[in-house]
Amino acid sequence: MILALQIVLVLSAVLMSVFVLLHKGKGGGLSSLFGGGVQSNLSGSTVVEKNLDRYTVIMALIWILCIVALNLLQAYA
């Protein structure tokens, strides 16, 4: 059980990092430093951004639940 939760924790952390990096820059900061500030309005779809937001939130919830479950298993086992 603990090994399975640890594997899910690592996979969700990696996927969450990838999803965060896939987000389109909103201007300013590091995204505009590397050329992200020069973007056209046709470069992305709002449906894709909404789905990417949903996937990122789902991965974050799975990550948090794995951390809580592992801590509870460690405390009471």
Protein backbone atom coordinates (compact mmCIF):
# COMPACT_ATOMS: atom_id res chain seq x y z
CA MET A 1 0.00 0.00 0.00
CA ILE A 2 2.75 2.43 0.95
CA LEU A 3 4.79 1.59 -2.14
CA ALA A 4 1.77 2.14 -4.39
CA LEU A 5 1.08 5.54 -2.78
CA GLN A 6 4.73 6.52 -3.21
CA ILE A 7 4.63 5.60 -6.89
CA VAL A 8 1.42 7.58 -7.40
CA LEU A 9 2.97 10.51 -5.52
CA VAL A 10 6.02 10.60 -7.79
CA LEU A 11 3.97 10.22 -10.97
CA SER A 12 1.52 12.94 -9.95
CA ALA A 13 4.38 15.28 -9.04
CA VAL A 14 6.05 14.78 -12.42
CA LEU A 15 2.77 15.18 -14.33
CA MET A 16 1.83 18.26 -12.33
CA SER A 17 5.21 19.83 -13.13
CA VAL A 18 4.74 19.11 -16.83
CA PHE A 19 1.21 20.56 -16.80
CA VAL A 20 2.38 23.73 -15.04
CA LEU A 21 5.17 24.17 -17.57
CA LEU A 22 2.70 23.74 -20.45
CA HIS A 23 0.63 26.73 -19.35
CA LYS A 24 0.82 29.80 -21.54
CA GLY A 25 2.64 32.73 -19.99
CA LYS A 26 0.44 35.64 -18.93
CA GLY A 27 3.11 38.25 -19.60
CA GLY A 28 5.87 39.56 -17.41
CA GLY A 29 8.33 37.51 -15.43
CA LEU A 30 10.42 34.72 -16.88
CA SER A 31 7.98 33.89 -19.68
CA SER A 32 8.51 37.26 -21.36
CA LEU A 33 12.27 37.08 -20.76
CA PHE A 34 12.56 34.06 -23.05
CA GLY A 35 10.31 35.39 -25.81
CA GLY A 36 6.95 34.54 -24.27
CA GLY A 37 5.88 38.17 -24.34
CA VAL A 38 5.65 38.22 -28.14
CA GLN A 39 2.60 36.06 -28.75
CA SER A 40 -0.36 36.32 -31.05
CA ASN A 41 -3.93 35.77 -29.98
CA LEU A 42 -4.21 32.80 -32.34
CA SER A 43 -1.50 30.77 -30.60
CA GLY A 44 -3.77 29.07 -28.06
CA SER A 45 -7.30 27.96 -27.50
CA THR A 46 -9.35 28.77 -24.43
CA VAL A 47 -10.70 25.20 -24.37
CA VAL A 48 -7.18 23.81 -24.22
CA GLU A 49 -6.26 26.20 -21.41
CA LYS A 50 -9.38 25.25 -19.43
CA ASN A 51 -8.65 21.54 -19.83
CA LEU A 52 -5.02 22.08 -18.87
CA ASP A 53 -6.16 23.97 -15.76
CA ARG A 54 -8.48 21.10 -14.83
CA TYR A 55 -5.77 18.49 -15.29
CA THR A 56 -3.35 20.55 -13.22
CA VAL A 57 -5.86 20.90 -10.37
CA ILE A 58 -6.68 17.18 -10.48
CA MET A 59 -2.99 16.28 -10.32
CA ALA A 60 -2.49 18.69 -7.41
CA LEU A 61 -5.40 17.11 -5.50
CA ILE A 62 -4.05 13.60 -6.11
CA TRP A 63 -0.61 14.76 -4.96
CA ILE A 64 -2.01 16.29 -1.75
CA LEU A 65 -4.14 13.22 -1.00
CA CYS A 66 -1.12 10.95 -1.42
CA ILE A 67 0.92 13.06 0.97
CA VAL A 68 -1.85 13.04 3.58
CA ALA A 69 -2.40 9.29 3.19
CA LEU A 70 1.31 8.51 3.48
CA ASN A 71 1.59 10.67 6.61
CA LEU A 72 -1.42 8.97 8.18
CA LEU A 73 -0.05 5.52 7.36
CA GLN A 74 3.32 6.47 8.83
CA ALA A 75 1.76 7.88 12.00
CA TYR A 76 -0.56 4.96 12.73
CA ALA A 77 1.37 1.99 11.36
